[in-house]
Amino acid sequence: MKTSELSRVEAEVLEEYRKQVLVPAKKSKRQFLLAPVGFVGSGKSTVLRELQKKLPFVIVSADEIRKLLKERGEGYDAAHEIMFRAGEYFARQGDSVAYDTHCGRTWKKERIERLAEEISTRVFWIQVHPPEEYIIQKLRAYPHTWLFRNVAHAIENYRGHKAGDEHLALPFICTFDPSRADVEKQIEEAAERIRSGA
């Protein structure tokens, strides 16, 4: 979960990660923070990558940071702290930022909203909510490399997160269902809402 200080290795991971983040050549006219809510396997990463083709923003990813930590033999405790620090760095440079993680936790919500207030920008909350069968099928087909040990571990991770969900009441500007055939239309509609300030 949250940590206040980073170890030397964790600080190195933050620095390395910041260097590999894709930063758009142009900044958005109106800066924003994009906060998706959705469980593992729901399609958050896919939705953010597709939205990034329509809008200029930086994506900071908890899973990419977990991978860097794992490569150094570190645990994942600081992954979200590193992700938020990376996001804050880019946001303070004037970039719009999307958090590739399940943002539907009270402490994450508070951290994102605090940053938005500090830099006088807007948070757009999006829900990524396909049917459970879609998530389970996706996890069964997942190429199990470093994130999950096997299919059972992936599904157990999903069910554990679902069981512990806080069900926060958030002002979603849109809800995505990546299992539907009209994903491109969903992406375009969401991009237009973000452009217009919802």
C-alpha atoms as a PDB file:
ATOM      1  CA  MET A   1       0.000   0.000   0.000  1.00  0.00           C
ATOM      2  CA  LYS A   2       1.126   3.562   0.633  1.00  0.00           C
ATOM      3  CA  THR A   3       4.634   4.314   1.823  1.00  0.00           C
ATOM      4  CA  SER A   4       5.981   7.688   2.841  1.00  0.00           C
ATOM      5  CA  GLU A   5       9.638   7.182   1.937  1.00  0.00           C
ATOM      6  CA  LEU A   6      11.208   5.209  -0.875  1.00  0.00           C
ATOM      7  CA  SER A   7      14.237   2.994  -0.405  1.00  0.00           C
ATOM      8  CA  ARG A   8      17.287   3.596  -2.590  1.00  0.00           C
ATOM      9  CA  VAL A   9      16.223   0.821  -4.991  1.00  0.00           C
ATOM     10  CA  GLU A  10      12.642   2.102  -5.127  1.00  0.00           C
ATOM     11  CA  ALA A  11      13.897   5.628  -5.875  1.00  0.00           C
ATOM     12  CA  GLU A  12      16.021   4.169  -8.690  1.00  0.00           C
ATOM     13  CA  VAL A  13      12.935   2.402 -10.057  1.00  0.00           C
ATOM     14  CA  LEU A  14      11.020   5.697  -9.990  1.00  0.00           C
ATOM     15  CA  GLU A  15      13.804   7.430 -11.922  1.00  0.00           C
ATOM     16  CA  GLU A  16      14.091   4.613 -14.466  1.00  0.00           C
ATOM     17  CA  TYR A  17      10.329   4.429 -14.889  1.00  0.00           C
ATOM     18  CA  ARG A  18       9.971   8.168 -15.473  1.00  0.00           C
ATOM     19  CA  LYS A  19      12.503   7.908 -18.317  1.00  0.00           C
ATOM     20  CA  GLN A  20      10.546   5.187 -20.119  1.00  0.00           C
ATOM     21  CA  VAL A  21       7.087   6.778 -19.908  1.00  0.00           C
ATOM     22  CA  LEU A  22       5.686   7.870 -23.269  1.00  0.00           C
ATOM     23  CA  VAL A  23       5.178  11.646 -23.141  1.00  0.00           C
ATOM     24  CA  PRO A  24       3.090  13.204 -25.937  1.00  0.00           C
ATOM     25  CA  ALA A  25       4.783  15.875 -28.059  1.00  0.00           C
ATOM     26  CA  LYS A  26       1.860  18.244 -27.402  1.00  0.00           C
ATOM     27  CA  LYS A  27       0.068  18.840 -24.131  1.00  0.00           C
ATOM     28  CA  SER A  28      -3.728  18.870 -23.968  1.00  0.00           C
ATOM     29  CA  LYS A  29      -5.348  22.308 -24.148  1.00  0.00           C
ATOM     30  CA  ARG A  30      -6.948  21.710 -20.769  1.00  0.00           C
ATOM     31  CA  GLN A  31      -4.973  19.559 -18.377  1.00  0.00           C
ATOM     32  CA  PHE A  32      -6.806  16.678 -16.683  1.00  0.00           C
ATOM     33  CA  LEU A  33      -6.261  13.579 -14.573  1.00  0.00           C
ATOM     34  CA  LEU A  34      -7.891  10.370 -15.769  1.00  0.00           C
ATOM     35  CA  ALA A  35      -8.828   7.840 -13.093  1.00  0.00           C
ATOM     36  CA  PRO A  36     -10.194   4.459 -14.210  1.00  0.00           C
ATOM     37  CA  VAL A  37     -12.089   2.134 -11.926  1.00  0.00           C
ATOM     38  CA  GLY A  38     -12.092  -1.536 -12.849  1.00  0.00           C
ATOM     39  CA  PHE A  39     -10.786  -4.830 -11.555  1.00  0.00           C
ATOM     40  CA  VAL A  40      -7.869  -6.835 -12.894  1.00  0.00           C
ATOM     41  CA  GLY A  41      -8.679  -8.136 -16.374  1.00  0.00           C
ATOM     42  CA  SER A  42     -11.467  -5.595 -16.987  1.00  0.00           C
ATOM     43  CA  GLY A  43      -9.582  -3.819 -19.777  1.00  0.00           C
ATOM     44  CA  LYS A  44      -8.319  -0.624 -18.116  1.00  0.00           C
ATOM     45  CA  SER A  45      -4.970  -0.709 -19.934  1.00  0.00           C
ATOM     46  CA  THR A  46      -6.638  -1.289 -23.303  1.00  0.00           C
ATOM     47  CA  VAL A  47      -9.126   1.544 -22.756  1.00  0.00           C
ATOM     48  CA  LEU A  48      -6.375   3.965 -21.718  1.00  0.00           C
ATOM     49  CA  ARG A  49      -4.163   3.060 -24.689  1.00  0.00           C
ATOM     50  CA  GLU A  50      -7.080   3.594 -27.083  1.00  0.00           C
ATOM     51  CA  LEU A  51      -7.999   6.915 -25.464  1.00  0.00           C
ATOM     52  CA  GLN A  52      -4.354   7.977 -25.691  1.00  0.00           C
ATOM     53  CA  LYS A  53      -4.654   7.714 -29.500  1.00  0.00           C
ATOM     54  CA  LYS A  54      -7.350  10.403 -29.342  1.00  0.00           C
ATOM     55  CA  LEU A  55      -6.041  12.649 -26.547  1.00  0.00           C
ATOM     56  CA  PRO A  56      -2.561  13.723 -25.415  1.00  0.00           C
ATOM     57  CA  PHE A  57      -1.840  12.345 -21.943  1.00  0.00           C
ATOM     58  CA  VAL A  58       0.761  10.356 -20.045  1.00  0.00           C
ATOM     59  CA  ILE A  59      -0.105   6.891 -18.696  1.00  0.00           C
ATOM     60  CA  VAL A  60       1.523   5.801 -15.446  1.00  0.00           C
ATOM     61  CA  SER A  61       1.128   2.075 -14.804  1.00  0.00           C
ATOM     62  CA  ALA A  62       1.287   0.220 -11.502  1.00  0.00           C
ATOM     63  CA  ASP A  63       1.933  -3.081 -13.323  1.00  0.00           C
ATOM     64  CA  GLU A  64       4.885  -1.705 -15.287  1.00  0.00           C
ATOM     65  CA  ILE A  65       6.376  -0.510 -12.008  1.00  0.00           C
ATOM     66  CA  ARG A  66       5.724  -3.897 -10.383  1.00  0.00           C
ATOM     67  CA  LYS A  67       7.698  -5.488 -13.197  1.00  0.00           C
ATOM     68  CA  LEU A  68      10.675  -3.175 -12.594  1.00  0.00           C
ATOM     69  CA  LEU A  69      10.535  -3.917  -8.862  1.00  0.00           C
ATOM     70  CA  LYS A  70      10.354  -7.664  -9.483  1.00  0.00           C
ATOM     71  CA  GLU A  71      13.403  -7.506 -11.779  1.00  0.00           C
ATOM     72  CA  ARG A  72      15.334  -6.098  -8.814  1.00  0.00           C
ATOM     73  CA  GLY A  73      14.073  -8.723  -6.397  1.00  0.00           C
ATOM     74  CA  GLU A  74      11.856  -6.197  -4.612  1.00  0.00           C
ATOM     75  CA  GLY A  75       8.296  -6.642  -3.355  1.00  0.00           C
ATOM     76  CA  TYR A  76       5.364  -4.641  -4.678  1.00  0.00           C
ATOM     77  CA  ASP A  77       4.584  -2.586  -1.563  1.00  0.00           C
ATOM     78  CA  ALA A  78       5.896   0.651  -3.071  1.00  0.00           C
ATOM     79  CA  ALA A  79       4.425   0.169  -6.572  1.00  0.00           C
ATOM     80  CA  HIS A  80       1.524   2.563  -6.101  1.00  0.00           C
ATOM     81  CA  GLU A  81       3.632   5.143  -4.268  1.00  0.00           C
ATOM     82  CA  ILE A  82       6.095   5.123  -7.187  1.00  0.00           C
ATOM     83  CA  MET A  83       3.230   5.338  -9.679  1.00  0.00           C
ATOM     84  CA  PHE A  84       1.685   8.319  -7.901  1.00  0.00           C
ATOM     85  CA  ARG A  85       5.037  10.097  -7.626  1.00  0.00           C
ATOM     86  CA  ALA A  86       5.634   9.569 -11.344  1.00  0.00           C
ATOM     87  CA  GLY A  87       2.134  10.876 -12.094  1.00  0.00           C
ATOM     88  CA  GLU A  88       2.694  13.915  -9.897  1.00  0.00           C
ATOM     89  CA  TYR A  89       5.979  14.640 -11.652  1.00  0.00           C
ATOM     90  CA  PHE A  90       4.356  14.692 -15.097  1.00  0.00           C
ATOM     91  CA  ALA A  91       1.272  16.556 -13.891  1.00  0.00           C
ATOM     92  CA  ARG A  92       3.442  19.300 -12.401  1.00  0.00           C
ATOM     93  CA  GLN A  93       5.152  19.586 -15.817  1.00  0.00           C
ATOM     94  CA  GLY A  94       1.733  20.415 -17.269  1.00  0.00           C
ATOM     95  CA  ASP A  95       0.950  17.005 -18.767  1.00  0.00           C
ATOM     96  CA  SER A  96      -2.430  15.338 -18.420  1.00  0.00           C
ATOM     97  CA  VAL A  97      -2.032  12.023 -16.591  1.00  0.00           C
ATOM     98  CA  ALA A  98      -3.947   8.727 -16.571  1.00  0.00           C
ATOM     99  CA  TYR A  99      -3.433   6.190 -13.780  1.00  0.00           C
ATOM    100  CA  ASP A 100      -3.386   2.613 -15.061  1.00  0.00           C
ATOM    101  CA  THR A 101      -4.647   1.031 -11.861  1.00  0.00           C
ATOM    102  CA  HIS A 102      -7.964   0.444 -10.108  1.00  0.00           C
ATOM    103  CA  CYS A 103      -8.530   3.929  -8.671  1.00  0.00           C
ATOM    104  CA  GLY A 104     -11.667   2.965  -6.737  1.00  0.00           C
ATOM    105  CA  ARG A 105     -10.011   2.962  -3.324  1.00  0.00           C
ATOM    106  CA  THR A 106     -10.497   5.777  -0.818  1.00  0.00           C
ATOM    107  CA  TRP A 107      -6.797   6.530  -0.369  1.00  0.00           C
ATOM    108  CA  LYS A 108      -6.186   6.570  -4.144  1.00  0.00           C
ATOM    109  CA  LYS A 109      -9.197   8.831  -4.692  1.00  0.00           C
ATOM    110  CA  GLU A 110      -7.966  11.223  -2.018  1.00  0.00           C
ATOM    111  CA  ARG A 111      -4.456  11.315  -3.459  1.00  0.00           C
ATOM    112  CA  ILE A 112      -5.674  11.988  -7.005  1.00  0.00           C
ATOM    113  CA  GLU A 113      -8.130  14.655  -5.872  1.00  0.00           C
ATOM    114  CA  ARG A 114      -5.494  16.339  -3.700  1.00  0.00           C
ATOM    115  CA  LEU A 115      -3.146  16.622  -6.680  1.00  0.00           C
ATOM    116  CA  ALA A 116      -5.970  17.927  -8.893  1.00  0.00           C
ATOM    117  CA  GLU A 117      -6.680  20.637  -6.325  1.00  0.00           C
ATOM    118  CA  GLU A 118      -2.997  21.559  -5.985  1.00  0.00           C
ATOM    119  CA  ILE A 119      -2.528  22.020  -9.735  1.00  0.00           C
ATOM    120  CA  SER A 120      -6.050  23.380 -10.342  1.00  0.00           C
ATOM    121  CA  THR A 121      -7.200  20.735 -12.769  1.00  0.00           C
ATOM    122  CA  ARG A 122     -10.072  18.301 -13.224  1.00  0.00           C
ATOM    123  CA  VAL A 123     -10.343  14.578 -12.496  1.00  0.00           C
ATOM    124  CA  PHE A 124     -12.306  12.477 -14.976  1.00  0.00           C
ATOM    125  CA  TRP A 125     -13.487   9.203 -13.448  1.00  0.00           C
ATOM    126  CA  ILE A 126     -14.164   6.384 -15.904  1.00  0.00           C
ATOM    127  CA  GLN A 127     -15.558   2.956 -15.151  1.00  0.00           C
ATOM    128  CA  VAL A 128     -14.335  -0.126 -17.014  1.00  0.00           C
ATOM    129  CA  HIS A 129     -16.990  -2.724 -16.310  1.00  0.00           C
ATOM    130  CA  PRO A 130     -17.396  -5.718 -18.633  1.00  0.00           C
ATOM    131  CA  PRO A 131     -19.359  -8.831 -17.585  1.00  0.00           C
ATOM    132  CA  GLU A 132     -17.531 -11.134 -15.178  1.00  0.00           C
ATOM    133  CA  GLU A 133     -17.487 -13.941 -17.769  1.00  0.00           C
ATOM    134  CA  TYR A 134     -15.428 -11.684 -20.065  1.00  0.00           C
ATOM    135  CA  ILE A 135     -12.867 -11.051 -17.296  1.00  0.00           C
ATOM    136  CA  ILE A 136     -12.605 -14.738 -16.361  1.00  0.00           C
ATOM    137  CA  GLN A 137     -12.143 -15.769 -20.009  1.00  0.00           C
ATOM    138  CA  LYS A 138      -9.513 -13.069 -20.470  1.00  0.00           C
ATOM    139  CA  LEU A 139      -7.620 -14.212 -17.372  1.00  0.00           C
ATOM    140  CA  ARG A 140      -7.765 -17.819 -18.568  1.00  0.00           C
ATOM    141  CA  ALA A 141      -6.137 -16.740 -21.843  1.00  0.00           C
ATOM    142  CA  TYR A 142      -3.615 -14.404 -20.168  1.00  0.00           C
ATOM    143  CA  PRO A 143       0.019 -15.204 -21.097  1.00  0.00           C
ATOM    144  CA  HIS A 144       1.217 -15.945 -17.579  1.00  0.00           C
ATOM    145  CA  THR A 145       4.697 -14.556 -17.391  1.00  0.00           C
ATOM    146  CA  TRP A 146       5.573 -12.511 -14.323  1.00  0.00           C
ATOM    147  CA  LEU A 147       2.360 -10.942 -12.978  1.00  0.00           C
ATOM    148  CA  PHE A 148       0.478 -14.146 -12.112  1.00  0.00           C
ATOM    149  CA  ARG A 149       1.823 -17.633 -11.434  1.00  0.00           C
ATOM    150  CA  ASN A 150      -0.963 -19.336 -13.382  1.00  0.00           C
ATOM    151  CA  VAL A 151      -4.652 -19.085 -14.314  1.00  0.00           C
ATOM    152  CA  ALA A 152      -5.849 -19.987 -10.811  1.00  0.00           C
ATOM    153  CA  HIS A 153      -3.667 -17.246  -9.298  1.00  0.00           C
ATOM    154  CA  ALA A 154      -4.997 -14.670 -11.783  1.00  0.00           C
ATOM    155  CA  ILE A 155      -8.641 -15.564 -11.077  1.00  0.00           C
ATOM    156  CA  GLU A 156      -8.016 -15.657  -7.323  1.00  0.00           C
ATOM    157  CA  ASN A 157      -6.468 -12.174  -7.574  1.00  0.00           C
ATOM    158  CA  TYR A 158      -9.522 -10.863  -9.437  1.00  0.00           C
ATOM    159  CA  ARG A 159     -12.021 -12.396  -6.977  1.00  0.00           C
ATOM    160  CA  GLY A 160     -10.049 -11.096  -3.993  1.00  0.00           C
ATOM    161  CA  HIS A 161     -10.080  -7.555  -5.343  1.00  0.00           C
ATOM    162  CA  LYS A 162     -13.760  -7.794  -6.192  1.00  0.00           C
ATOM    163  CA  ALA A 163     -14.641  -9.049  -2.702  1.00  0.00           C
ATOM    164  CA  GLY A 164     -12.701  -6.188  -1.093  1.00  0.00           C
ATOM    165  CA  ASP A 165     -14.127  -3.446  -3.301  1.00  0.00           C
ATOM    166  CA  GLU A 166     -15.209  -0.272  -1.516  1.00  0.00           C
ATOM    167  CA  HIS A 167     -18.018   0.570  -3.998  1.00  0.00           C
ATOM    168  CA  LEU A 168     -17.241   4.290  -3.908  1.00  0.00           C
ATOM    169  CA  ALA A 169     -19.869   6.601  -5.364  1.00  0.00           C
ATOM    170  CA  LEU A 170     -17.882   8.340  -8.100  1.00  0.00           C
ATOM    171  CA  PRO A 171     -19.030  10.801 -10.795  1.00  0.00           C
ATOM    172  CA  PHE A 172     -18.200   8.617 -13.807  1.00  0.00           C
ATOM    173  CA  ILE A 173     -18.209  10.475 -17.122  1.00  0.00           C
ATOM    174  CA  CYS A 174     -18.593   7.149 -18.933  1.00  0.00           C
ATOM    175  CA  THR A 175     -18.686   3.400 -18.426  1.00  0.00           C
ATOM    176  CA  PHE A 176     -16.782   1.147 -20.806  1.00  0.00           C
ATOM    177  CA  ASP A 177     -17.710  -2.405 -21.636  1.00  0.00           C
ATOM    178  CA  PRO A 178     -14.761  -3.813 -23.649  1.00  0.00           C
ATOM    179  CA  SER A 179     -16.711  -7.010 -24.323  1.00  0.00           C
ATOM    180  CA  ARG A 180     -19.054  -5.161 -26.689  1.00  0.00           C
ATOM    181  CA  ALA A 181     -18.434  -4.805 -30.415  1.00  0.00           C
ATOM    182  CA  ASP A 182     -18.720  -0.991 -30.329  1.00  0.00           C
ATOM    183  CA  VAL A 183     -15.556  -0.308 -28.306  1.00  0.00           C
ATOM    184  CA  GLU A 184     -14.337   2.250 -30.870  1.00  0.00           C
ATOM    185  CA  LYS A 185     -17.599   4.197 -30.477  1.00  0.00           C
ATOM    186  CA  GLN A 186     -17.279   4.055 -26.678  1.00  0.00           C
ATOM    187  CA  ILE A 187     -13.720   5.411 -26.937  1.00  0.00           C
ATOM    188  CA  GLU A 188     -14.723   8.250 -29.275  1.00  0.00           C
ATOM    189  CA  GLU A 189     -17.648   9.282 -27.065  1.00  0.00           C
ATOM    190  CA  ALA A 190     -15.447   9.300 -23.961  1.00  0.00           C
ATOM    191  CA  ALA A 191     -12.719  11.274 -25.727  1.00  0.00           C
ATOM    192  CA  GLU A 192     -15.278  13.876 -26.786  1.00  0.00           C
ATOM    193  CA  ARG A 193     -16.590  14.187 -23.222  1.00  0.00           C
ATOM    194  CA  ILE A 194     -13.063  14.713 -21.919  1.00  0.00           C
ATOM    195  CA  ARG A 195     -12.306  17.281 -24.649  1.00  0.00           C
ATOM    196  CA  SER A 196     -15.471  19.208 -23.822  1.00  0.00           C
ATOM    197  CA  GLY A 197     -14.844  19.029 -20.067  1.00  0.00           C
ATOM    198  CA  ALA A 198     -17.748  16.613 -19.557  1.00  0.00           C
END
